[in-house]
């Protein structure tokens, strides 16, 4: 009986921990196109960001973001989002904030 309880406790712990880790990304999601797609989705999820004058390029897992944003806060938010995206090896963020 103790063994059954221990196995059930272990199964419950494994189920709880499974929700703590994001699912592994597949090859398509780690490609340049996949990285760009995930980055764009994350950026567009922040509706307060005005991205109409921003371009995104991904080549060999290196991201280049260029353009004009309306505030320093927007620029910092974009930088933070880029740091969260798996698969990005390097980023060049060339954003201008008009005075």
PDB file of N, CA and C in Angstrom:
ATOM      1  N   UNK A   1       0.823  -1.191   0.000  1.00  0.00           N
ATOM      2  CA  UNK A   1       0.000   0.000   0.000  1.00  0.00           C
ATOM      3  C   UNK A   1       0.870   1.260   0.000  1.00  0.00           C
ATOM      4  N   UNK A   2       1.977   1.226   0.750  1.00  0.00           N
ATOM      5  CA  UNK A   2       2.874   2.371   0.790  1.00  0.00           C
ATOM      6  C   UNK A   2       3.485   2.623  -0.582  1.00  0.00           C
ATOM      7  N   UNK A   3       3.756   1.534  -1.272  1.00  0.00           N
ATOM      8  CA  UNK A   3       4.358   1.664  -2.597  1.00  0.00           C
ATOM      9  C   UNK A   3       3.382   2.326  -3.574  1.00  0.00           C
ATOM     10  N   UNK A   4       2.102   1.974  -3.493  1.00  0.00           N
ATOM     11  CA  UNK A   4       1.083   2.558  -4.361  1.00  0.00           C
ATOM     12  C   UNK A   4       0.954   4.050  -4.060  1.00  0.00           C
ATOM     13  N   UNK A   5       0.941   4.419  -2.786  1.00  0.00           N
ATOM     14  CA  UNK A   5       0.843   5.824  -2.409  1.00  0.00           C
ATOM     15  C   UNK A   5       2.067   6.597  -2.899  1.00  0.00           C
ATOM     16  N   UNK A   6       3.229   5.992  -2.787  1.00  0.00           N
ATOM     17  CA  UNK A   6       4.452   6.647  -3.244  1.00  0.00           C
ATOM     18  C   UNK A   6       4.418   6.852  -4.754  1.00  0.00           C
ATOM     19  N   UNK A   7       3.925   5.855  -5.486  1.00  0.00           N
ATOM     20  CA  UNK A   7       3.834   5.969  -6.944  1.00  0.00           C
ATOM     21  C   UNK A   7       2.823   7.049  -7.333  1.00  0.00           C
ATOM     22  N   UNK A   8       1.693   7.120  -6.625  1.00  0.00           N
ATOM     23  CA  UNK A   8       0.695   8.147  -6.913  1.00  0.00           C
ATOM     24  C   UNK A   8       1.253   9.538  -6.616  1.00  0.00           C
ATOM     25  N   UNK A   9       1.987   9.662  -5.519  1.00  0.00           N
ATOM     26  CA  UNK A   9       2.594  10.950  -5.171  1.00  0.00           C
ATOM     27  C   UNK A   9       3.613  11.358  -6.223  1.00  0.00           C
ATOM     28  N   UNK A  10       4.399  10.403  -6.688  1.00  0.00           N
ATOM     29  CA  UNK A  10       5.385  10.681  -7.723  1.00  0.00           C
ATOM     30  C   UNK A  10       4.710  11.089  -9.024  1.00  0.00           C
ATOM     31  N   UNK A  11       3.626  10.434  -9.376  1.00  0.00           N
ATOM     32  CA  UNK A  11       2.886  10.773 -10.599  1.00  0.00           C
ATOM     33  C   UNK A  11       2.292  12.174 -10.484  1.00  0.00           C
ATOM     34  N   UNK A  12       1.761  12.522  -9.310  1.00  0.00           N
ATOM     35  CA  UNK A  12       1.194  13.857  -9.101  1.00  0.00           C
ATOM     36  C   UNK A  12       2.279  14.925  -9.200  1.00  0.00           C
ATOM     37  N   UNK A  13       3.448  14.636  -8.641  1.00  0.00           N
ATOM     38  CA  UNK A  13       4.562  15.575  -8.711  1.00  0.00           C
ATOM     39  C   UNK A  13       5.013  15.765 -10.155  1.00  0.00           C
ATOM     40  N   UNK A  14       5.115  14.687 -10.905  1.00  0.00           N
ATOM     41  CA  UNK A  14       5.522  14.766 -12.309  1.00  0.00           C
ATOM     42  C   UNK A  14       4.504  15.578 -13.113  1.00  0.00           C
ATOM     43  N   UNK A  15       3.225  15.391 -12.846  1.00  0.00           N
ATOM     44  CA  UNK A  15       2.188  16.136 -13.557  1.00  0.00           C
ATOM     45  C   UNK A  15       2.263  17.623 -13.219  1.00  0.00           C
ATOM     46  N   UNK A  16       2.530  17.935 -11.966  1.00  0.00           N
ATOM     47  CA  UNK A  16       2.637  19.334 -11.554  1.00  0.00           C
ATOM     48  C   UNK A  16       3.852  19.996 -12.191  1.00  0.00           C
ATOM     49  N   UNK A  17       4.971  19.291 -12.236  1.00  0.00           N
ATOM     50  CA  UNK A  17       6.183  19.853 -12.819  1.00  0.00           C
ATOM     51  C   UNK A  17       6.080  20.003 -14.326  1.00  0.00           C
ATOM     52  N   UNK A  18       5.298  19.167 -14.965  1.00  0.00           N
ATOM     53  CA  UNK A  18       5.152  19.233 -16.415  1.00  0.00           C
ATOM     54  C   UNK A  18       4.558  20.572 -16.838  1.00  0.00           C
ATOM     55  N   UNK A  19       3.712  21.153 -16.009  1.00  0.00           N
ATOM     56  CA  UNK A  19       3.127  22.453 -16.317  1.00  0.00           C
ATOM     57  C   UNK A  19       4.075  23.606 -16.088  1.00  0.00           C
ATOM     58  N   UNK A  20       5.198  23.374 -15.436  1.00  0.00           N
ATOM     59  CA  UNK A  20       6.154  24.438 -15.118  1.00  0.00           C
ATOM     60  C   UNK A  20       7.122  24.735 -16.249  1.00  0.00           C
ATOM     61  N   UNK A  21       7.296  23.835 -17.155  1.00  0.00           N
ATOM     62  CA  UNK A  21       8.272  23.997 -18.216  1.00  0.00           C
ATOM     63  C   UNK A  21       7.557  24.144 -19.550  1.00  0.00           C
ATOM     64  N   UNK A  22       7.978  25.106 -20.383  1.00  0.00           N
ATOM     65  CA  UNK A  22       7.341  25.245 -21.688  1.00  0.00           C
ATOM     66  C   UNK A  22       7.655  24.038 -22.563  1.00  0.00           C
ATOM     67  N   UNK A  23       6.779  23.747 -23.512  1.00  0.00           N
ATOM     68  CA  UNK A  23       7.062  22.611 -24.400  1.00  0.00           C
ATOM     69  C   UNK A  23       8.300  22.899 -25.235  1.00  0.00           C
ATOM     70  N   UNK A  24       9.009  21.855 -25.577  1.00  0.00           N
ATOM     71  CA  UNK A  24      10.208  22.002 -26.405  1.00  0.00           C
ATOM     72  C   UNK A  24       9.807  22.487 -27.793  1.00  0.00           C
ATOM     73  N   UNK A  25      10.638  23.334 -28.361  1.00  0.00           N
ATOM     74  CA  UNK A  25      10.356  23.861 -29.694  1.00  0.00           C
ATOM     75  C   UNK A  25      10.904  22.910 -30.749  1.00  0.00           C
ATOM     76  N   UNK A  26      10.136  22.723 -31.814  1.00  0.00           N
ATOM     77  CA  UNK A  26      10.559  21.855 -32.906  1.00  0.00           C
ATOM     78  C   UNK A  26      11.509  22.573 -33.844  1.00  0.00           C
ATOM     79  N   UNK A  27      12.015  21.833 -34.827  1.00  0.00           N
ATOM     80  CA  UNK A  27      12.963  22.393 -35.801  1.00  0.00           C
ATOM     81  C   UNK A  27      12.363  23.578 -36.561  1.00  0.00           C
ATOM     82  N   UNK A  28      11.092  23.474 -36.938  1.00  0.00           N
ATOM     83  CA  UNK A  28      10.461  24.552 -37.703  1.00  0.00           C
ATOM     84  C   UNK A  28      10.369  25.823 -36.864  1.00  0.00           C
ATOM     85  N   UNK A  29      10.094  25.674 -35.593  1.00  0.00           N
ATOM     86  CA  UNK A  29       9.978  26.840 -34.714  1.00  0.00           C
ATOM     87  C   UNK A  29      11.328  27.465 -34.405  1.00  0.00           C
ATOM     88  N   UNK A  30      12.403  26.701 -34.553  1.00  0.00           N
ATOM     89  CA  UNK A  30      13.750  27.209 -34.297  1.00  0.00           C
ATOM     90  C   UNK A  30      14.425  27.703 -35.570  1.00  0.00           C
ATOM     91  N   UNK A  31      13.742  27.587 -36.701  1.00  0.00           N
ATOM     92  CA  UNK A  31      14.283  28.122 -37.956  1.00  0.00           C
ATOM     93  C   UNK A  31      14.188  29.646 -37.921  1.00  0.00           C
ATOM     94  N   UNK A  32      14.839  30.301 -38.874  1.00  0.00           N
ATOM     95  CA  UNK A  32      14.743  31.758 -38.949  1.00  0.00           C
ATOM     96  C   UNK A  32      13.285  32.201 -39.091  1.00  0.00           C
ATOM     97  N   UNK A  33      12.536  31.507 -39.936  1.00  0.00           N
ATOM     98  CA  UNK A  33      11.126  31.854 -40.129  1.00  0.00           C
ATOM     99  C   UNK A  33      10.326  31.634 -38.847  1.00  0.00           C
ATOM    100  N   UNK A  34      10.625  30.560 -38.145  1.00  0.00           N
ATOM    101  CA  UNK A  34       9.935  30.287 -36.884  1.00  0.00           C
ATOM    102  C   UNK A  34      10.258  31.319 -35.819  1.00  0.00           C
ATOM    103  N   UNK A  35      11.523  31.708 -35.737  1.00  0.00           N
ATOM    104  CA  UNK A  35      11.929  32.747 -34.786  1.00  0.00           C
ATOM    105  C   UNK A  35      11.225  34.050 -35.116  1.00  0.00           C
ATOM    106  N   UNK A  36      11.217  34.411 -36.387  1.00  0.00           N
ATOM    107  CA  UNK A  36      10.555  35.659 -36.794  1.00  0.00           C
ATOM    108  C   UNK A  36       9.066  35.619 -36.455  1.00  0.00           C
ATOM    109  N   UNK A  37       8.429  34.502 -36.725  1.00  0.00           N
ATOM    110  CA  UNK A  37       7.008  34.368 -36.442  1.00  0.00           C
ATOM    111  C   UNK A  37       6.718  34.513 -34.950  1.00  0.00           C
ATOM    112  N   UNK A  38       7.499  33.812 -34.124  1.00  0.00           N
ATOM    113  CA  UNK A  38       7.281  33.905 -32.677  1.00  0.00           C
ATOM    114  C   UNK A  38       7.569  35.309 -32.159  1.00  0.00           C
ATOM    115  N   UNK A  39       8.594  35.960 -32.707  1.00  0.00           N
ATOM    116  CA  UNK A  39       8.928  37.324 -32.305  1.00  0.00           C
ATOM    117  C   UNK A  39       7.805  38.280 -32.685  1.00  0.00           C
ATOM    118  N   UNK A  40       7.314  38.178 -33.913  1.00  0.00           N
ATOM    119  CA  UNK A  40       6.226  39.047 -34.352  1.00  0.00           C
ATOM    120  C   UNK A  40       4.968  38.832 -33.522  1.00  0.00           C
ATOM    121  N   UNK A  41       4.656  37.578 -33.202  1.00  0.00           N
ATOM    122  CA  UNK A  41       3.488  37.301 -32.368  1.00  0.00           C
ATOM    123  C   UNK A  41       3.638  37.943 -30.995  1.00  0.00           C
ATOM    124  N   UNK A  42       4.822  37.826 -30.420  1.00  0.00           N
ATOM    125  CA  UNK A  42       5.055  38.408 -29.096  1.00  0.00           C
ATOM    126  C   UNK A  42       4.970  39.930 -29.142  1.00  0.00           C
ATOM    127  N   UNK A  43       5.516  40.530 -30.181  1.00  0.00           N
ATOM    128  CA  UNK A  43       5.455  41.984 -30.300  1.00  0.00           C
ATOM    129  C   UNK A  43       4.021  42.463 -30.512  1.00  0.00           C
ATOM    130  N   UNK A  44       3.281  41.801 -31.392  1.00  0.00           N
ATOM    131  CA  UNK A  44       1.911  42.215 -31.686  1.00  0.00           C
ATOM    132  C   UNK A  44       0.958  41.938 -30.524  1.00  0.00           C
ATOM    133  N   UNK A  45       1.351  41.090 -29.595  1.00  0.00           N
ATOM    134  CA  UNK A  45       0.528  40.844 -28.410  1.00  0.00           C
ATOM    135  C   UNK A  45       0.479  42.092 -27.519  1.00  0.00           C
ATOM    136  N   UNK A  46       1.463  42.963 -27.674  1.00  0.00           N
ATOM    137  CA  UNK A  46       1.499  44.228 -26.930  1.00  0.00           C
ATOM    138  C   UNK A  46       0.883  45.298 -27.821  1.00  0.00           C
ATOM    139  N   UNK A  47      -0.421  45.426 -27.722  1.00  0.00           N
ATOM    140  CA  UNK A  47      -1.161  46.327 -28.610  1.00  0.00           C
ATOM    141  C   UNK A  47      -0.756  47.793 -28.456  1.00  0.00           C
ATOM    142  N   UNK A  48      -0.120  48.120 -27.336  1.00  0.00           N
ATOM    143  CA  UNK A  48       0.296  49.503 -27.128  1.00  0.00           C
ATOM    144  C   UNK A  48       1.501  49.879 -27.992  1.00  0.00           C
ATOM    145  N   UNK A  49       2.201  48.886 -28.532  1.00  0.00           N
ATOM    146  CA  UNK A  49       3.353  49.150 -29.391  1.00  0.00           C
ATOM    147  C   UNK A  49       2.895  49.554 -30.786  1.00  0.00           C
ATOM    148  N   UNK A  50       3.431  50.668 -31.271  1.00  0.00           N
ATOM    149  CA  UNK A  50       3.174  51.099 -32.639  1.00  0.00           C
ATOM    150  C   UNK A  50       4.336  50.601 -33.488  1.00  0.00           C
ATOM    151  N   UNK A  51       4.118  49.564 -34.270  1.00  0.00           N
ATOM    152  CA  UNK A  51       5.177  48.909 -35.028  1.00  0.00           C
ATOM    153  C   UNK A  51       5.114  49.209 -36.521  1.00  0.00           C
ATOM    154  N   UNK A  52       4.330  50.202 -36.925  1.00  0.00           N
ATOM    155  CA  UNK A  52       4.163  50.451 -38.361  1.00  0.00           C
ATOM    156  C   UNK A  52       5.461  50.917 -39.027  1.00  0.00           C
ATOM    157  N   UNK A  53       6.394  51.493 -38.268  1.00  0.00           N
ATOM    158  CA  UNK A  53       7.657  51.963 -38.849  1.00  0.00           C
ATOM    159  C   UNK A  53       8.839  51.107 -38.389  1.00  0.00           C
ATOM    160  N   UNK A  54       8.561  49.835 -38.060  1.00  0.00           N
ATOM    161  CA  UNK A  54       9.599  48.924 -37.560  1.00  0.00           C
ATOM    162  C   UNK A  54       9.712  47.735 -38.514  1.00  0.00           C
ATOM    163  N   UNK A  55      10.954  47.376 -38.864  1.00  0.00           N
ATOM    164  CA  UNK A  55      11.181  46.193 -39.692  1.00  0.00           C
ATOM    165  C   UNK A  55      11.952  45.157 -38.885  1.00  0.00           C
ATOM    166  N   UNK A  56      11.673  43.903 -39.177  1.00  0.00           N
ATOM    167  CA  UNK A  56      12.311  42.784 -38.476  1.00  0.00           C
ATOM    168  C   UNK A  56      12.931  41.877 -39.528  1.00  0.00           C
ATOM    169  N   UNK A  57      14.190  41.531 -39.317  1.00  0.00           N
ATOM    170  CA  UNK A  57      14.875  40.599 -40.205  1.00  0.00           C
ATOM    171  C   UNK A  57      15.548  39.534 -39.343  1.00  0.00           C
ATOM    172  N   UNK A  58      15.482  38.288 -39.757  1.00  0.00           N
ATOM    173  CA  UNK A  58      16.143  37.196 -39.052  1.00  0.00           C
ATOM    174  C   UNK A  58      16.952  36.411 -40.076  1.00  0.00           C
ATOM    175  N   UNK A  59      18.244  36.275 -39.812  1.00  0.00           N
ATOM    176  CA  UNK A  59      19.125  35.521 -40.706  1.00  0.00           C
ATOM    177  C   UNK A  59      20.153  34.792 -39.849  1.00  0.00           C
ATOM    178  N   UNK A  60      20.190  33.468 -39.971  1.00  0.00           N
ATOM    179  CA  UNK A  60      21.115  32.627 -39.198  1.00  0.00           C
ATOM    180  C   UNK A  60      20.980  32.861 -37.697  1.00  0.00           C
ATOM    181  N   UNK A  61      19.721  32.994 -37.258  1.00  0.00           N
ATOM    182  CA  UNK A  61      19.377  33.171 -35.842  1.00  0.00           C
ATOM    183  C   UNK A  61      19.832  34.514 -35.288  1.00  0.00           C
ATOM    184  N   UNK A  62      20.170  35.439 -36.171  1.00  0.00           N
ATOM    185  CA  UNK A  62      20.536  36.798 -35.767  1.00  0.00           C
ATOM    186  C   UNK A  62      19.385  37.715 -36.160  1.00  0.00           C
ATOM    187  N   UNK A  63      18.865  38.450 -35.180  1.00  0.00           N
ATOM    188  CA  UNK A  63      17.713  39.321 -35.392  1.00  0.00           C
ATOM    189  C   UNK A  63      18.187  40.759 -35.550  1.00  0.00           C
ATOM    190  N   UNK A  64      17.650  41.429 -36.544  1.00  0.00           N
ATOM    191  CA  UNK A  64      17.887  42.858 -36.719  1.00  0.00           C
ATOM    192  C   UNK A  64      16.526  43.548 -36.723  1.00  0.00           C
ATOM    193  N   UNK A  65      16.364  44.482 -35.808  1.00  0.00           N
ATOM    194  CA  UNK A  65      15.136  45.265 -35.726  1.00  0.00           C
ATOM    195  C   UNK A  65      15.524  46.718 -35.944  1.00  0.00           C
ATOM    196  N   UNK A  66      14.903  47.345 -36.932  1.00  0.00           N
ATOM    197  CA  UNK A  66      15.209  48.729 -37.272  1.00  0.00           C
ATOM    198  C   UNK A  66      13.922  49.520 -37.410  1.00  0.00           C
ATOM    199  N   UNK A  67      14.047  50.829 -37.189  1.00  0.00           N
ATOM    200  CA  UNK A  67      12.900  51.689 -37.426  1.00  0.00           C
ATOM    201  C   UNK A  67      12.726  52.756 -36.377  1.00  0.00           C
ATOM    202  N   UNK A  68      11.502  53.271 -36.314  1.00  0.00           N
ATOM    203  CA  UNK A  68      11.166  54.366 -35.419  1.00  0.00           C
ATOM    204  C   UNK A  68      10.065  53.909 -34.471  1.00  0.00           C
ATOM    205  N   UNK A  69      10.261  54.162 -33.179  1.00  0.00           N
ATOM    206  CA  UNK A  69       9.233  53.897 -32.171  1.00  0.00           C
ATOM    207  C   UNK A  69       8.895  55.214 -31.480  1.00  0.00           C
ATOM    208  N   UNK A  70       7.754  55.253 -30.836  1.00  0.00           N
ATOM    209  CA  UNK A  70       7.272  56.520 -30.295  1.00  0.00           C
ATOM    210  C   UNK A  70       7.864  56.902 -28.937  1.00  0.00           C
ATOM    211  N   UNK A  71       8.472  55.944 -28.228  1.00  0.00           N
ATOM    212  CA  UNK A  71       9.001  56.282 -26.901  1.00  0.00           C
ATOM    213  C   UNK A  71      10.144  55.349 -26.514  1.00  0.00           C
ATOM    214  N   UNK A  72      10.919  55.809 -25.533  1.00  0.00           N
ATOM    215  CA  UNK A  72      11.997  54.975 -24.987  1.00  0.00           C
ATOM    216  C   UNK A  72      11.419  53.745 -24.305  1.00  0.00           C
ATOM    217  N   UNK A  73      10.257  53.895 -23.728  1.00  0.00           N
ATOM    218  CA  UNK A  73       9.589  52.755 -23.083  1.00  0.00           C
ATOM    219  C   UNK A  73       9.287  51.667 -24.114  1.00  0.00           C
ATOM    220  N   UNK A  74       8.813  52.063 -25.293  1.00  0.00           N
ATOM    221  CA  UNK A  74       8.542  51.087 -26.359  1.00  0.00           C
ATOM    222  C   UNK A  74       9.828  50.379 -26.780  1.00  0.00           C
ATOM    223  N   UNK A  75      10.914  51.154 -26.903  1.00  0.00           N
ATOM    224  CA  UNK A  75      12.198  50.563 -27.291  1.00  0.00           C
ATOM    225  C   UNK A  75      12.651  49.546 -26.251  1.00  0.00           C
ATOM    226  N   UNK A  76      12.550  49.881 -24.969  1.00  0.00           N
ATOM    227  CA  UNK A  76      12.955  48.948 -23.903  1.00  0.00           C
ATOM    228  C   UNK A  76      12.067  47.714 -23.881  1.00  0.00           C
ATOM    229  N   UNK A  77      10.762  47.890 -24.147  1.00  0.00           N
ATOM    230  CA  UNK A  77       9.852  46.747 -24.181  1.00  0.00           C
ATOM    231  C   UNK A  77      10.227  45.807 -25.328  1.00  0.00           C
ATOM    232  N   UNK A  78      10.523  46.339 -26.494  1.00  0.00           N
ATOM    233  CA  UNK A  78      10.933  45.517 -27.635  1.00  0.00           C
ATOM    234  C   UNK A  78      12.218  44.763 -27.304  1.00  0.00           C
ATOM    235  N   UNK A  79      13.181  45.445 -26.690  1.00  0.00           N
ATOM    236  CA  UNK A  79      14.434  44.787 -26.294  1.00  0.00           C
ATOM    237  C   UNK A  79      14.159  43.636 -25.331  1.00  0.00           C
ATOM    238  N   UNK A  80      13.256  43.847 -24.369  1.00  0.00           N
ATOM    239  CA  UNK A  80      12.920  42.799 -23.395  1.00  0.00           C
ATOM    240  C   UNK A  80      12.246  41.611 -24.084  1.00  0.00           C
ATOM    241  N   UNK A  81      11.366  41.888 -25.022  1.00  0.00           N
ATOM    242  CA  UNK A  81      10.679  40.808 -25.741  1.00  0.00           C
ATOM    243  C   UNK A  81      11.682  39.985 -26.536  1.00  0.00           C
ATOM    244  N   UNK A  82      12.625  40.645 -27.186  1.00  0.00           N
ATOM    245  CA  UNK A  82      13.650  39.940 -27.971  1.00  0.00           C
ATOM    246  C   UNK A  82      14.443  39.001 -27.074  1.00  0.00           C
ATOM    247  N   UNK A  83      14.772  39.440 -25.869  1.00  0.00           N
ATOM    248  CA  UNK A  83      15.545  38.593 -24.949  1.00  0.00           C
ATOM    249  C   UNK A  83      14.784  37.338 -24.528  1.00  0.00           C
ATOM    250  N   UNK A  84      13.470  37.351 -24.621  1.00  0.00           N
ATOM    251  CA  UNK A  84      12.648  36.214 -24.186  1.00  0.00           C
ATOM    252  C   UNK A  84      12.456  35.148 -25.261  1.00  0.00           C
ATOM    253  N   UNK A  85      12.782  35.457 -26.497  1.00  0.00           N
ATOM    254  CA  UNK A  85      12.501  34.538 -27.605  1.00  0.00           C
ATOM    255  C   UNK A  85      13.623  33.505 -27.727  1.00  0.00           C
ATOM    256  N   UNK A  86      13.261  32.248 -27.609  1.00  0.00           N
ATOM    257  CA  UNK A  86      14.235  31.164 -27.735  1.00  0.00           C
ATOM    258  C   UNK A  86      14.741  31.078 -29.163  1.00  0.00           C
ATOM    259  N   UNK A  87      16.025  30.787 -29.305  1.00  0.00           N
ATOM    260  CA  UNK A  87      16.619  30.581 -30.612  1.00  0.00           C
ATOM    261  C   UNK A  87      17.372  31.779 -31.151  1.00  0.00           C
ATOM    262  N   UNK A  88      17.152  32.950 -30.557  1.00  0.00           N
ATOM    263  CA  UNK A  88      17.879  34.135 -31.009  1.00  0.00           C
ATOM    264  C   UNK A  88      19.281  34.081 -30.421  1.00  0.00           C
ATOM    265  N   UNK A  89      20.273  34.047 -31.298  1.00  0.00           N
ATOM    266  CA  UNK A  89      21.659  33.979 -30.849  1.00  0.00           C
ATOM    267  C   UNK A  89      22.266  35.362 -30.658  1.00  0.00           C
ATOM    268  N   UNK A  90      21.778  36.319 -31.440  1.00  0.00           N
ATOM    269  CA  UNK A  90      22.300  37.675 -31.380  1.00  0.00           C
ATOM    270  C   UNK A  90      21.214  38.613 -31.876  1.00  0.00           C
ATOM    271  N   UNK A  91      21.216  39.846 -31.361  1.00  0.00           N
ATOM    272  CA  UNK A  91      20.222  40.816 -31.809  1.00  0.00           C
ATOM    273  C   UNK A  91      20.874  42.176 -31.990  1.00  0.00           C
ATOM    274  N   UNK A  92      20.484  42.824 -33.059  1.00  0.00           N
ATOM    275  CA  UNK A  92      20.900  44.195 -33.321  1.00  0.00           C
ATOM    276  C   UNK A  92      19.618  45.024 -33.372  1.00  0.00           C
ATOM    277  N   UNK A  93      19.463  45.888 -32.388  1.00  0.00           N
ATOM    278  CA  UNK A  93      18.241  46.669 -32.287  1.00  0.00           C
ATOM    279  C   UNK A  93      18.570  48.125 -32.586  1.00  0.00           C
ATOM    280  N   UNK A  94      18.149  48.554 -33.769  1.00  0.00           N
ATOM    281  CA  UNK A  94      18.457  49.897 -34.266  1.00  0.00           C
ATOM    282  C   UNK A  94      17.161  50.709 -34.318  1.00  0.00           C
ATOM    283  N   UNK A  95      16.662  51.067 -33.146  1.00  0.00           N
ATOM    284  CA  UNK A  95      15.413  51.804 -33.071  1.00  0.00           C
ATOM    285  C   UNK A  95      15.673  53.254 -32.682  1.00  0.00           C
ATOM    286  N   UNK A  96      14.976  54.162 -33.341  1.00  0.00           N
ATOM    287  CA  UNK A  96      15.126  55.582 -33.091  1.00  0.00           C
ATOM    288  C   UNK A  96      13.858  56.083 -32.408  1.00  0.00           C
ATOM    289  N   UNK A  97      14.064  56.938 -31.406  1.00  0.00           N
ATOM    290  CA  UNK A  97      12.948  57.595 -30.731  1.00  0.00           C
ATOM    291  C   UNK A  97      13.005  59.069 -31.102  1.00  0.00           C
ATOM    292  N   UNK A  98      12.007  59.579 -31.822  1.00  0.00           N
ATOM    293  CA  UNK A  98      12.050  60.992 -32.206  1.00  0.00           C
ATOM    294  C   UNK A  98      11.907  61.901 -30.987  1.00  0.00           C
ATOM    295  N   UNK A  99      12.534  63.050 -31.081  1.00  0.00           N
ATOM    296  CA  UNK A  99      12.454  64.007 -29.962  1.00  0.00           C
ATOM    297  C   UNK A  99      11.291  64.927 -30.109  1.00  0.00           C
TER     298      UNK A  99
END
